[in-house]
Protein backbone atom coordinates (compact mmCIF):
# COMPACT_ATOMS: atom_id res chain seq x y z
CA MET A 1 -95.08 18.38 82.36
CA GLU A 2 -96.47 16.45 79.37
CA LYS A 3 -99.53 14.18 79.50
CA GLU A 4 -100.51 11.52 76.96
CA LYS A 5 -103.40 9.03 76.81
CA LEU A 6 -103.32 5.76 74.86
CA ILE A 7 -106.17 3.30 74.23
CA VAL A 8 -105.08 -0.30 73.49
CA ASN A 9 -106.60 -1.91 70.39
CA SER A 10 -107.12 -5.64 69.79
CA GLU A 11 -103.88 -6.01 67.78
CA ASN A 12 -101.73 -5.12 70.80
CA VAL A 13 -103.31 -7.38 73.42
CA GLY A 14 -100.63 -9.21 75.42
CA VAL A 15 -97.80 -6.74 74.71
CA ARG A 16 -95.74 -5.71 77.76
CA LEU A 17 -96.66 -2.30 79.15
CA ASP A 18 -93.15 -0.82 78.74
CA ALA A 19 -92.88 -2.05 75.14
CA TYR A 20 -96.38 -0.81 74.23
CA VAL A 21 -95.79 2.72 75.56
CA ALA A 22 -92.30 3.00 73.97
CA ASP A 23 -93.69 1.83 70.60
CA ASN A 24 -96.55 4.34 70.72
CA ILE A 25 -94.78 7.45 72.03
CA ASN A 26 -91.77 8.14 69.80
CA SER A 27 -90.13 10.58 72.21
CA LEU A 28 -89.73 7.90 74.92
CA SER A 29 -87.20 5.07 74.95
CA ARG A 30 -87.94 1.74 76.65
CA THR A 31 -85.53 2.64 79.47
CA MET A 32 -87.29 5.96 80.04
CA VAL A 33 -90.71 4.25 80.02
CA LYS A 34 -89.49 1.72 82.59
CA LYS A 35 -88.37 4.57 84.84
CA LEU A 36 -91.72 6.38 84.45
CA ILE A 37 -93.62 3.17 85.34
CA GLU A 38 -91.43 2.58 88.40
CA GLU A 39 -91.97 6.18 89.55
CA GLY A 40 -95.77 5.84 89.21
CA ASN A 41 -96.07 8.21 86.24
CA ILE A 42 -97.77 5.62 84.01
CA SER A 43 -101.14 4.15 84.99
CA VAL A 44 -103.53 1.65 83.40
CA ASN A 45 -107.25 2.36 83.95
CA GLY A 46 -106.28 4.64 86.83
CA LYS A 47 -104.02 2.07 88.57
CA THR A 48 -100.24 1.69 88.55
CA GLN A 49 -98.97 -1.58 87.08
CA LYS A 50 -95.67 -3.44 86.80
CA VAL A 51 -93.38 -2.98 83.81
CA SER A 52 -94.23 -6.55 82.73
CA TYR A 53 -98.03 -6.02 82.80
CA LYS A 54 -99.62 -7.38 79.59
CA VAL A 55 -101.94 -4.79 78.07
CA GLN A 56 -105.59 -5.70 77.33
CA GLU A 57 -108.04 -4.41 74.72
CA ASN A 58 -109.51 -0.99 75.60
CA ASP A 59 -107.01 -0.41 78.45
CA GLU A 60 -106.64 3.33 78.95
CA ILE A 61 -102.99 4.16 79.59
CA SER A 62 -102.14 7.54 81.07
CA VAL A 63 -98.54 8.75 80.68
CA ILE A 64 -97.13 11.74 82.58
CA VAL A 65 -93.65 12.96 81.63
CA PRO A 66 -92.36 15.34 84.35
CA GLU A 67 -90.24 18.36 83.43
CA ALA A 68 -86.55 17.51 83.31
CA LYS A 69 -84.79 18.62 86.52
CA GLN A 70 -81.75 20.86 86.45
CA LEU A 71 -79.03 18.72 88.03
CA ASP A 72 -76.81 20.38 90.58
CA LEU A 73 -73.66 19.34 88.76
CA LYS A 74 -70.66 21.56 88.17
CA ALA A 75 -69.34 22.20 84.68
CA GLN A 76 -65.60 21.62 84.96
CA ASP A 77 -62.80 22.50 82.60
CA ILE A 78 -61.27 19.03 82.27
CA PRO A 79 -59.04 18.59 79.18
CA LEU A 80 -60.79 16.33 76.65
CA GLU A 81 -59.85 15.42 73.09
CA VAL A 82 -62.89 16.21 70.93
CA VAL A 83 -62.82 14.01 67.81
CA TYR A 84 -66.06 15.36 66.30
CA GLU A 85 -68.63 17.98 67.28
CA ASP A 86 -71.71 19.63 65.77
CA LYS A 87 -74.96 21.04 67.20
CA ASP A 88 -76.39 17.53 67.85
CA ILE A 89 -73.56 15.27 69.01
CA ILE A 90 -70.06 15.35 70.35
CA VAL A 91 -67.59 12.43 70.15
CA VAL A 92 -64.64 12.43 72.54
CA ASN A 93 -61.57 10.29 73.03
CA LYS A 94 -62.03 9.45 76.72
CA PRO A 95 -58.75 9.11 78.63
CA LYS A 96 -58.14 6.12 80.87
CA GLY A 97 -58.96 6.80 84.52
CA LEU A 98 -61.86 9.18 83.81
CA VAL A 99 -65.21 8.10 85.28
CA VAL A 100 -68.12 8.67 82.86
CA HIS A 101 -71.08 9.28 85.20
CA PRO A 102 -71.25 11.22 88.45
CA ALA A 103 -72.44 8.98 91.31
CA ASN A 104 -72.31 8.74 95.09
CA GLY A 105 -68.86 9.74 96.29
CA ASN A 106 -67.92 10.87 92.78
CA TRP A 107 -69.90 14.02 91.95
CA ASP A 108 -67.17 15.86 90.11
CA GLY A 109 -64.14 15.22 87.95
CA THR A 110 -66.20 13.01 85.61
CA LEU A 111 -66.71 13.00 81.85
CA VAL A 112 -70.22 14.47 82.36
CA ASN A 113 -68.75 17.45 84.26
CA ALA A 114 -66.27 18.00 81.41
CA ILE A 115 -68.95 17.76 78.70
CA MET A 116 -71.17 20.23 80.56
CA ALA A 117 -68.38 22.80 80.24
CA ILE A 118 -68.11 22.15 76.48
CA CYS A 119 -71.87 21.98 75.70
CA LYS A 120 -73.00 24.79 77.99
CA ASP A 121 -76.78 25.23 77.31
CA SER A 122 -77.08 22.48 74.70
CA LEU A 123 -78.01 19.42 76.76
CA SER A 124 -80.46 16.51 76.69
CA GLY A 125 -83.33 16.25 79.19
CA ILE A 126 -83.95 12.55 78.61
CA GLY A 127 -84.15 10.43 81.74
CA GLY A 128 -85.72 13.29 83.67
CA GLU A 129 -82.46 15.17 84.22
CA ILE A 130 -80.89 17.88 82.07
CA ARG A 131 -77.40 16.60 81.40
CA PRO A 132 -75.17 15.46 78.52
CA GLY A 133 -76.82 12.47 76.81
CA ILE A 134 -74.40 9.63 77.44
CA VAL A 135 -75.73 6.97 75.06
CA HIS A 136 -73.17 4.25 75.76
CA ARG A 137 -70.48 3.70 78.36
CA LEU A 138 -66.83 2.89 78.79
CA ASP A 139 -65.37 1.56 82.04
CA LYS A 140 -63.28 4.02 84.04
CA ASP A 141 -60.00 2.44 82.90
CA THR A 142 -61.04 1.80 79.28
CA SER A 143 -60.02 4.61 76.95
CA GLY A 144 -61.42 5.62 73.58
CA LEU A 145 -64.34 6.93 71.60
CA LEU A 146 -67.61 7.86 73.27
CA ILE A 147 -70.70 9.48 71.69
CA ILE A 148 -72.63 12.13 73.65
CA ALA A 149 -75.98 13.53 72.47
CA LYS A 150 -76.59 17.26 72.90
CA ASN A 151 -80.39 17.18 72.57
CA ASP A 152 -83.32 14.81 73.13
CA VAL A 153 -83.87 13.92 69.45
CA ALA A 154 -80.21 12.95 68.95
CA HIS A 155 -80.21 11.12 72.30
CA LEU A 156 -83.22 8.96 71.42
CA ASN A 157 -81.97 8.19 67.90
CA MET A 158 -78.50 7.19 69.10
CA SER A 159 -79.98 5.08 71.94
CA ASN A 160 -82.13 3.24 69.38
CA GLN A 161 -79.16 2.69 67.05
CA ILE A 162 -77.24 1.12 69.93
CA LYS A 163 -80.22 -1.00 71.02
CA ASP A 164 -80.66 -2.22 67.41
CA ARG A 165 -76.91 -3.03 67.17
CA GLN A 166 -76.38 -0.54 64.35
CA VAL A 167 -73.39 1.17 66.00
CA LYS A 168 -70.19 -0.71 65.12
CA LYS A 169 -67.48 -0.41 67.77
CA VAL A 170 -63.91 -1.66 67.32
CA TYR A 171 -61.58 -2.04 70.31
CA TYR A 172 -57.88 -2.83 70.61
CA ALA A 173 -56.86 -5.03 73.54
CA LEU A 174 -53.45 -6.27 74.63
CA VAL A 175 -53.92 -9.64 76.31
CA ARG A 176 -51.75 -12.09 78.20
CA GLY A 177 -50.55 -15.21 76.45
CA VAL A 178 -50.21 -16.07 72.76
CA VAL A 179 -53.67 -16.51 71.24
CA SER A 180 -53.57 -19.49 68.87
CA GLU A 181 -56.62 -18.75 66.68
CA ASN A 182 -56.28 -15.99 64.08
CA GLU A 183 -59.89 -15.04 64.73
CA ALA A 184 -62.79 -16.42 66.74
CA THR A 185 -66.15 -15.61 68.32
CA ILE A 186 -66.91 -15.92 72.03
CA ASN A 187 -70.61 -16.54 72.67
CA MET A 188 -71.08 -16.85 76.44
CA PRO A 189 -73.89 -15.31 78.53
CA ILE A 190 -72.87 -12.82 81.23
CA ALA A 191 -74.52 -12.02 84.58
CA ARG A 192 -73.52 -10.36 87.84
CA SER A 193 -71.15 -12.62 89.80
CA THR A 194 -72.76 -14.47 92.71
CA LYS A 195 -69.40 -14.42 94.56
CA ASP A 196 -68.62 -10.72 94.16
CA ARG A 197 -71.40 -8.21 93.36
CA LYS A 198 -68.89 -5.74 91.89
CA LYS A 199 -67.88 -8.24 89.21
CA MET A 200 -69.57 -9.81 86.19
CA ALA A 201 -69.14 -13.47 85.23
CA VAL A 202 -70.01 -16.00 82.53
CA ALA A 203 -73.23 -17.66 83.73
CA LYS A 204 -75.78 -19.99 82.13
CA ASN A 205 -78.67 -17.78 83.25
CA GLY A 206 -76.96 -14.57 82.09
CA LYS A 207 -77.80 -12.25 79.19
CA GLU A 208 -76.57 -13.06 75.69
CA ALA A 209 -73.06 -11.72 75.09
CA ILE A 210 -71.17 -12.06 71.79
CA THR A 211 -67.57 -10.94 71.25
CA HIS A 212 -65.54 -11.34 68.03
CA PHE A 213 -61.75 -11.01 68.00
CA LYS A 214 -58.97 -11.04 65.42
CA VAL A 215 -55.23 -11.29 66.09
CA LEU A 216 -53.34 -8.17 64.94
CA GLU A 217 -49.92 -9.11 66.30
CA ARG A 218 -48.34 -11.85 68.42
CA PHE A 219 -45.46 -11.20 70.83
CA ASN A 220 -43.42 -13.47 73.10
CA LYS A 221 -46.03 -13.73 75.89
CA TYR A 222 -48.72 -11.34 74.69
CA THR A 223 -51.15 -10.78 71.81
CA LEU A 224 -52.64 -7.60 70.36
CA LEU A 225 -56.29 -8.16 69.42
CA GLU A 226 -58.90 -6.26 67.44
CA VAL A 227 -62.23 -6.83 69.21
CA LYS A 228 -65.81 -6.21 68.04
CA ILE A 229 -68.92 -6.73 70.16
CA ASP A 230 -72.48 -7.49 69.07
CA THR A 231 -73.83 -6.87 72.58
CA GLY A 232 -72.89 -4.29 75.21
CA ARG A 233 -72.86 -6.15 78.51
CA THR A 234 -71.05 -4.61 81.49
CA HIS A 235 -67.31 -5.53 81.35
CA GLN A 236 -68.11 -7.86 78.41
CA ILE A 237 -64.72 -7.83 76.63
CA ARG A 238 -62.78 -8.13 79.89
CA VAL A 239 -64.93 -11.01 81.17
CA HIS A 240 -64.87 -12.94 77.89
CA LEU A 241 -61.13 -12.63 77.30
CA SER A 242 -60.39 -13.59 80.90
CA GLU A 243 -62.72 -16.60 80.57
CA ILE A 244 -60.74 -17.98 77.60
CA GLY A 245 -57.47 -17.59 79.51
CA HIS A 246 -56.27 -14.34 77.91
CA PRO A 247 -57.08 -11.52 80.35
CA VAL A 248 -56.45 -7.93 79.26
CA VAL A 249 -53.06 -6.66 80.43
CA GLY A 250 -53.45 -4.38 83.47
CA ASP A 251 -56.99 -5.57 84.31
CA GLU A 252 -56.98 -5.58 88.10
CA VAL A 253 -60.44 -7.17 88.38
CA TYR A 254 -60.47 -10.06 85.90
CA SER A 255 -56.85 -11.23 86.10
CA ASN A 256 -54.55 -12.18 88.96
CA GLY A 257 -53.62 -8.54 89.48
CA LYS A 258 -50.03 -8.92 88.27
CA ASN A 259 -48.79 -5.41 87.41
CA GLU A 260 -47.01 -5.71 84.05
CA PHE A 261 -45.15 -2.83 82.40
CA GLY A 262 -46.06 -0.59 85.37
CA VAL A 263 -49.59 -0.31 83.95
CA LYS A 264 -52.55 0.40 86.24
CA GLY A 265 -55.89 -0.45 84.66
CA GLN A 266 -56.57 -2.45 81.50
CA LEU A 267 -54.98 -1.82 78.10
CA LEU A 268 -58.32 -1.71 76.30
CA HIS A 269 -59.10 1.10 73.86
CA ALA A 270 -62.27 1.91 71.86
CA LYS A 271 -60.47 2.58 68.57
CA SER A 272 -63.21 3.30 66.03
CA LEU A 273 -66.96 3.92 65.69
CA ASP A 274 -69.32 3.56 62.74
CA PHE A 275 -72.86 4.93 63.05
CA LYS A 276 -75.45 7.07 61.28
CA HIS A 277 -75.65 10.73 62.26
CA PRO A 278 -78.81 10.90 64.42
CA ILE A 279 -80.25 13.91 62.55
CA THR A 280 -78.85 13.89 58.99
CA GLY A 281 -78.55 10.10 58.61
CA LYS A 282 -75.03 10.55 57.17
CA GLU A 283 -72.72 7.52 57.60
CA MET A 284 -70.07 8.44 60.20
CA HIS A 285 -66.68 6.74 60.65
CA LEU A 286 -64.45 8.03 63.44
CA GLU A 287 -61.08 6.78 64.67
CA SER A 288 -58.78 7.58 67.57
CA GLU A 289 -55.10 7.06 68.28
CA LEU A 290 -54.00 4.59 70.94
CA PRO A 291 -53.08 6.30 74.23
CA GLU A 292 -49.38 7.02 74.77
CA GLU A 293 -49.17 4.44 77.57
CA PHE A 294 -50.58 1.71 75.27
CA GLU A 295 -48.16 2.72 72.46
CA ASN A 296 -45.21 2.65 74.88
CA VAL A 297 -46.03 -0.92 75.98
CA LEU A 298 -46.22 -2.02 72.32
CA LYS A 299 -42.82 -0.38 71.69
CA GLN A 300 -41.35 -2.34 74.62
CA LEU A 301 -42.75 -5.57 73.16
CA HIS A 302 -41.35 -4.78 69.70
CA ASN A 303 -37.91 -4.20 71.25
């Protein structure tokens, strides 16, 4: 267990508690600080406060970081294509259909179980649990490149790169209909749907969401797009493309569920990643091949 004490000076008066602590303790991300506040591990002048509490001059902030718990998760030998690996990070080409995080009703057979088998003892303890450091996510039925941190320093650095929009992600998506523009930007806020809590939707009161796309190839009733995102909202690409009338082929949630080409789940693939190595600072560019199923559909369209 680690303990830290912070005294607020006049320059920081009015800053949110979570932001103040994250800015003053380099080993903690804003998300981790929020969790510590909610669990009662951060107090101000001996009292717990809300995440949004505005700090005052001479406030004494006490921060307790509990020891990371060993999670009772099984390492499982699930075949994974490793695109890059060193002592700090591992980048995999996640197959479609593989869930990233273990959760209720889904404690094994996930990407985390597979990574635990590869990493063995080299794992991050960030978030209070010793596990592979998943720094960004892909939906179960989205395939492609995913970065995993093997230690706390790499985890925090990669999380900050993603938060600061320094990680460039390029996706390929096959969508319904012939997209008329050669390239365009969709800037529509996204929030949880009020009609169905499992879905996201474009909403005026939602969080900013920006998606850029470029046409790679047009077919008779379909279009292959290259997609880049400035923000990482849940289901962002799928929601935005559906909203403009070009849902991703195979998307059973944001289209009318028509099963084209015998495909189950969306034809959306995280094709490339550009980022700085979290320890060396070296510029990294990684690419992955389209899954066989995606390639086969494109072959059908070419024929």
